[in-house]
């Protein structure tokens, strides 16, 4: 099984397919390298596509030290994957937790990004400090529940969240596959990721100064029933000078597999415009 080593020696499992300009996919909290299979199949026809499991997600290593998890670590793991595969620049595509990481890659490693996509981004973010702390407390409780109750209990419970109901009812077969994949994860990995990354990462509003200077072309993509992420997605559109916003109707949080055709069309449009030098052509320069 192919693995690369992160900067601290943690092994990350990856898969790649296709040739052409590179696309690196960064999965959500409830996902893994398989989350982007609809995108891997579509885009590998014309691009070199890489998907990987983040630390804490099998078949990648699952460190048992909480200090080995965090937003900066997740950000640098993306670059470690690119470095190991000798990828100088890539379209970095993130979903949810992975979208926040993709934004941090775009801020700190702009020269490594052909573009950035942030899909379903913004859980836990708000301009209201009280709302932020309530979200952090909920994240801590979720992390502790994974540690205490295990995947068999927590996978179906977590998957049945409010912003995943459209997927559940629209595509029961796809939703069942999502729940099954989630159940195969590590309770330790989920607990430590939630406690040391999700519950501690900066909000989008905390990042405002950096986002105003964001340089790579940015696609923001969100389902209109993803209530956790709508406000944050609009904030990104209004704050990032290179941002374009796509809202997919009657859709929730698990957008990459719930509406893969719409997701792929939006991403393909971004990539085509970026590679033609036309993403900001509406500005006339």
Protein backbone atom coordinates (compact mmCIF):
# COMPACT_ATOMS: atom_id res chain seq x y z
CA UNK A 1 0.00 0.00 0.00
CA UNK A 2 1.50 3.38 -0.99
CA UNK A 3 2.39 5.73 1.87
CA UNK A 4 4.41 8.90 2.18
CA UNK A 5 6.01 10.20 5.37
CA UNK A 6 4.91 13.51 6.85
CA UNK A 7 7.47 15.83 8.40
CA UNK A 8 7.19 14.14 11.81
CA UNK A 9 7.38 10.64 10.33
CA UNK A 10 3.64 9.92 10.38
CA UNK A 11 2.79 7.76 7.36
CA UNK A 12 -0.03 8.95 5.11
CA UNK A 13 -1.77 6.59 2.70
CA UNK A 14 -2.46 7.98 -0.78
CA UNK A 15 -3.74 6.95 -4.16
CA UNK A 16 -3.19 8.64 -7.50
CA UNK A 17 -4.53 8.30 -11.03
CA UNK A 18 -4.20 10.06 -14.36
CA UNK A 19 -1.81 12.51 -15.96
CA UNK A 20 -1.88 16.26 -16.45
CA UNK A 21 -1.99 19.24 -14.12
CA UNK A 22 -2.21 17.93 -10.53
CA UNK A 23 -5.25 18.00 -8.26
CA UNK A 24 -4.85 17.16 -4.56
CA UNK A 25 -8.05 16.27 -2.68
CA UNK A 26 -8.31 16.83 1.10
CA UNK A 27 -11.22 15.03 2.78
CA UNK A 28 -13.69 16.01 5.50
CA UNK A 29 -13.87 14.90 9.13
CA UNK A 30 -16.31 12.08 8.32
CA UNK A 31 -14.43 11.05 5.16
CA UNK A 32 -11.18 9.47 4.04
CA UNK A 33 -9.28 8.95 0.78
CA UNK A 34 -12.41 7.29 -0.69
CA UNK A 35 -14.55 10.41 -0.23
CA UNK A 36 -13.37 11.80 -3.55
CA UNK A 37 -13.85 8.69 -5.66
CA UNK A 38 -16.45 10.45 -7.91
CA UNK A 39 -13.90 13.21 -8.50
CA UNK A 40 -10.96 10.83 -8.98
CA UNK A 41 -12.83 8.95 -11.70
CA UNK A 42 -13.92 12.12 -13.47
CA UNK A 43 -10.82 14.29 -13.29
CA UNK A 44 -8.16 11.60 -13.75
CA UNK A 45 -9.16 11.51 -17.43
CA UNK A 46 -7.26 14.77 -17.90
CA UNK A 47 -5.39 15.43 -14.64
CA UNK A 48 -2.99 13.80 -12.21
CA UNK A 49 -5.28 13.26 -9.22
CA UNK A 50 -4.14 12.49 -5.68
CA UNK A 51 -6.35 11.54 -2.74
CA UNK A 52 -5.06 10.60 0.69
CA UNK A 53 -6.23 9.75 4.19
CA UNK A 54 -5.27 12.33 6.77
CA UNK A 55 -3.41 11.32 9.92
CA UNK A 56 -5.78 9.51 12.24
CA UNK A 57 -7.64 7.91 9.33
CA UNK A 58 -6.81 4.35 8.19
CA UNK A 59 -4.86 3.22 6.26
CA UNK A 60 -2.75 6.21 7.36
CA UNK A 61 -1.06 6.13 10.76
CA UNK A 62 -3.10 6.96 13.84
CA UNK A 63 -0.86 8.83 16.29
CA UNK A 64 -2.00 8.45 19.90
CA UNK A 65 -0.42 11.73 21.00
CA UNK A 66 -2.81 14.68 20.70
CA UNK A 67 0.15 16.97 20.02
CA UNK A 68 0.49 15.30 16.62
CA UNK A 69 -2.85 16.75 15.49
CA UNK A 70 -3.71 20.34 14.65
CA UNK A 71 -4.54 22.79 11.88
CA UNK A 72 -0.93 23.71 11.09
CA UNK A 73 0.01 20.03 11.04
CA UNK A 74 -2.86 19.20 8.67
CA UNK A 75 -1.79 22.10 6.44
CA UNK A 76 1.81 20.92 6.30
CA UNK A 77 0.69 17.34 5.58
CA UNK A 78 -0.76 18.56 2.27
CA UNK A 79 2.63 19.99 1.34
CA UNK A 80 4.36 16.80 2.51
CA UNK A 81 2.19 14.79 0.12
CA UNK A 82 3.01 17.17 -2.73
CA UNK A 83 6.72 17.14 -1.92
CA UNK A 84 6.89 13.35 -1.72
CA UNK A 85 5.15 13.03 -5.09
CA UNK A 86 7.32 15.79 -6.61
CA UNK A 87 4.38 18.09 -7.27
CA UNK A 88 5.44 21.73 -7.45
CA UNK A 89 1.97 23.25 -7.88
CA UNK A 90 -1.53 21.77 -7.66
CA UNK A 91 -5.20 22.59 -7.59
CA UNK A 92 -5.90 21.98 -3.87
CA UNK A 93 -9.48 20.83 -3.31
CA UNK A 94 -10.79 20.55 0.24
CA UNK A 95 -14.14 19.56 1.71
CA UNK A 96 -15.30 20.76 5.15
CA UNK A 97 -12.37 20.12 7.56
CA UNK A 98 -10.28 19.65 4.43
CA UNK A 99 -11.59 22.95 3.04
CA UNK A 100 -10.31 24.83 6.07
CA UNK A 101 -6.97 23.11 5.59
CA UNK A 102 -6.96 24.03 1.89
CA UNK A 103 -7.48 27.69 2.84
CA UNK A 104 -4.49 27.54 5.17
CA UNK A 105 -2.42 26.01 2.36
CA UNK A 106 -3.51 28.88 0.12
CA UNK A 107 -2.53 31.45 2.74
CA UNK A 108 0.84 30.00 3.75
CA UNK A 109 1.88 28.25 0.52
CA UNK A 110 0.27 30.38 -2.17
CA UNK A 111 3.12 29.63 -4.57
CA UNK A 112 2.25 25.91 -4.41
CA UNK A 113 -1.40 26.43 -5.42
CA UNK A 114 -2.74 26.62 -8.94
CA UNK A 115 -6.10 27.18 -7.26
CA UNK A 116 -7.94 26.37 -4.04
CA UNK A 117 -11.44 24.98 -3.61
CA UNK A 118 -13.25 25.25 -0.26
CA UNK A 119 -16.42 23.15 -0.28
CA UNK A 120 -18.73 23.00 2.72
CA UNK A 121 -16.42 25.30 4.66
CA UNK A 122 -17.14 27.15 7.89
CA UNK A 123 -18.38 24.78 10.57
CA UNK A 124 -17.73 26.42 13.94
CA UNK A 125 -17.09 29.85 12.42
CA UNK A 126 -19.10 32.91 13.39
CA UNK A 127 -18.52 36.60 14.08
CA UNK A 128 -20.21 36.01 17.45
CA UNK A 129 -17.72 34.79 20.12
CA UNK A 130 -20.53 33.14 22.09
CA UNK A 131 -21.55 31.05 19.08
CA UNK A 132 -17.92 30.13 18.47
CA UNK A 133 -17.42 28.90 22.03
CA UNK A 134 -20.67 26.93 21.88
CA UNK A 135 -19.36 25.27 18.72
CA UNK A 136 -16.01 24.48 20.34
CA UNK A 137 -17.78 22.95 23.34
CA UNK A 138 -19.90 20.81 21.00
CA UNK A 139 -16.75 19.70 19.19
CA UNK A 140 -15.08 18.75 22.45
CA UNK A 141 -18.14 16.76 23.46
CA UNK A 142 -18.13 14.99 20.11
CA UNK A 143 -14.44 14.13 20.42
CA UNK A 144 -14.97 12.75 23.90
CA UNK A 145 -17.95 10.71 22.70
CA UNK A 146 -15.88 9.07 19.95
CA UNK A 147 -13.23 8.16 22.55
CA UNK A 148 -15.77 6.78 25.02
CA UNK A 149 -18.38 5.10 22.82
CA UNK A 150 -16.41 3.95 19.77
CA UNK A 151 -17.15 3.86 16.05
CA UNK A 152 -19.99 1.31 16.13
CA UNK A 153 -22.10 3.74 18.16
CA UNK A 154 -20.80 7.06 16.90
CA UNK A 155 -20.59 6.48 13.14
CA UNK A 156 -24.35 6.18 12.54
CA UNK A 157 -25.05 8.92 15.09
CA UNK A 158 -22.58 11.39 13.58
CA UNK A 159 -23.63 10.56 10.02
CA UNK A 160 -27.26 11.33 10.86
CA UNK A 161 -26.57 15.02 11.53
CA UNK A 162 -28.96 17.76 10.47
CA UNK A 163 -26.94 18.90 7.46
CA UNK A 164 -26.69 15.37 6.02
CA UNK A 165 -30.43 14.70 5.82
CA UNK A 166 -30.72 15.71 2.17
CA UNK A 167 -28.10 13.10 1.27
CA UNK A 168 -29.87 10.50 3.42
CA UNK A 169 -33.26 11.00 1.78
CA UNK A 170 -32.14 11.91 -1.75
CA UNK A 171 -29.64 9.08 -2.19
CA UNK A 172 -30.18 6.29 0.38
CA UNK A 173 -27.72 3.97 -1.36
CA UNK A 174 -24.95 6.55 -1.46
CA UNK A 175 -25.70 7.59 2.12
CA UNK A 176 -25.45 3.99 3.31
CA UNK A 177 -22.04 3.72 1.64
CA UNK A 178 -20.97 6.93 3.40
CA UNK A 179 -22.04 5.55 6.79
CA UNK A 180 -20.29 2.24 6.13
CA UNK A 181 -17.01 3.97 5.26
CA UNK A 182 -17.28 6.17 8.35
CA UNK A 183 -17.79 3.09 10.54
CA UNK A 184 -14.44 1.71 9.33
CA UNK A 185 -12.52 4.64 10.80
CA UNK A 186 -10.58 4.83 14.06
CA UNK A 187 -12.34 6.12 17.18
CA UNK A 188 -8.95 7.27 18.48
CA UNK A 189 -8.23 9.17 15.28
CA UNK A 190 -11.65 10.80 15.29
CA UNK A 191 -11.43 11.77 18.93
CA UNK A 192 -7.98 13.33 18.66
CA UNK A 193 -8.76 15.07 15.36
CA UNK A 194 -11.88 16.64 16.82
CA UNK A 195 -10.25 17.62 20.12
CA UNK A 196 -6.99 19.00 18.75
CA UNK A 197 -7.89 20.24 15.26
CA UNK A 198 -11.59 21.02 14.90
CA UNK A 199 -12.12 22.33 18.44
CA UNK A 200 -9.04 24.57 18.34
CA UNK A 201 -8.66 25.83 14.77
CA UNK A 202 -9.17 29.54 14.02
CA UNK A 203 -12.54 30.63 12.69
CA UNK A 204 -12.91 32.19 9.25
CA UNK A 205 -13.43 35.54 10.98
CA UNK A 206 -10.16 35.04 12.89
CA UNK A 207 -8.50 34.61 9.49
CA UNK A 208 -10.02 37.74 7.94
CA UNK A 209 -6.78 39.72 7.58
CA UNK A 210 -5.04 36.83 5.81
CA UNK A 211 -8.09 36.08 3.67
CA UNK A 212 -8.18 39.67 2.41
CA UNK A 213 -4.65 39.06 1.03
CA UNK A 214 -5.44 35.59 -0.35
CA UNK A 215 -3.78 35.14 -3.75
CA UNK A 216 -4.70 31.82 -5.40
CA UNK A 217 -7.96 31.59 -7.37
CA UNK A 218 -10.60 30.38 -4.90
CA UNK A 219 -13.81 28.45 -5.56
CA UNK A 220 -16.24 28.43 -2.63
CA UNK A 221 -18.90 25.76 -2.96
CA UNK A 222 -21.78 25.02 -0.59
CA UNK A 223 -25.15 23.28 -0.48
CA UNK A 224 -28.03 25.60 0.33
CA UNK A 225 -29.20 23.33 3.17
CA UNK A 226 -25.74 23.19 4.75
CA UNK A 227 -26.73 25.63 7.47
CA UNK A 228 -23.39 25.30 9.29
CA UNK A 229 -21.51 26.63 6.28
CA UNK A 230 -23.73 29.07 4.39
CA UNK A 231 -22.75 32.17 6.35
CA UNK A 232 -19.07 31.27 6.23
CA UNK A 233 -19.21 30.65 2.49
CA UNK A 234 -20.76 34.07 1.84
CA UNK A 235 -18.14 35.61 4.13
CA UNK A 236 -15.38 33.99 2.07
CA UNK A 237 -16.91 35.32 -1.15
CA UNK A 238 -17.08 38.83 0.28
CA UNK A 239 -13.62 38.74 1.86
CA UNK A 240 -11.31 36.89 -0.54
CA UNK A 241 -10.52 39.00 -3.63
CA UNK A 242 -10.14 35.94 -5.89
CA UNK A 243 -13.25 34.07 -4.69
CA UNK A 244 -16.16 32.79 -6.74
CA UNK A 245 -19.21 31.27 -5.02
CA UNK A 246 -21.35 28.34 -6.18
CA UNK A 247 -24.46 27.39 -4.19
CA UNK A 248 -26.01 24.01 -5.05
CA UNK A 249 -29.76 23.97 -4.37
CA UNK A 250 -31.57 21.47 -2.13
CA UNK A 251 -28.26 20.01 -0.99
CA UNK A 252 -26.46 19.50 2.31
CA UNK A 253 -22.99 19.01 3.69
CA UNK A 254 -21.81 15.78 2.05
CA UNK A 255 -21.74 17.61 -1.26
CA UNK A 256 -18.94 15.75 -3.06
CA UNK A 257 -20.93 12.51 -3.11
CA UNK A 258 -24.45 13.89 -2.72
CA UNK A 259 -24.22 15.96 -5.92
CA UNK A 260 -21.03 14.81 -7.69
CA UNK A 261 -22.10 16.00 -11.15
CA UNK A 262 -22.74 19.56 -9.95
CA UNK A 263 -19.60 19.55 -7.83
CA UNK A 264 -17.49 18.27 -10.72
CA UNK A 265 -18.94 20.79 -13.16
CA UNK A 266 -18.13 23.70 -10.86
CA UNK A 267 -14.61 22.42 -10.21
CA UNK A 268 -14.01 21.77 -13.92
CA UNK A 269 -15.09 25.33 -14.70
CA UNK A 270 -12.66 26.70 -12.12
CA UNK A 271 -9.77 24.64 -13.44
CA UNK A 272 -10.47 25.48 -17.09
CA UNK A 273 -10.65 29.20 -16.37
CA UNK A 274 -7.56 29.19 -14.15
CA UNK A 275 -5.49 27.28 -16.67
CA UNK A 276 -6.62 29.63 -19.45
CA UNK A 277 -5.74 32.65 -17.30
CA UNK A 278 -9.39 33.72 -17.27
CA UNK A 279 -10.61 33.20 -13.69
CA UNK A 280 -10.58 36.97 -12.99
CA UNK A 281 -11.29 38.06 -16.57
CA UNK A 282 -14.47 39.87 -15.47
CA UNK A 283 -12.22 42.52 -13.92
CA UNK A 284 -10.94 43.41 -17.36
CA UNK A 285 -7.28 42.75 -16.59
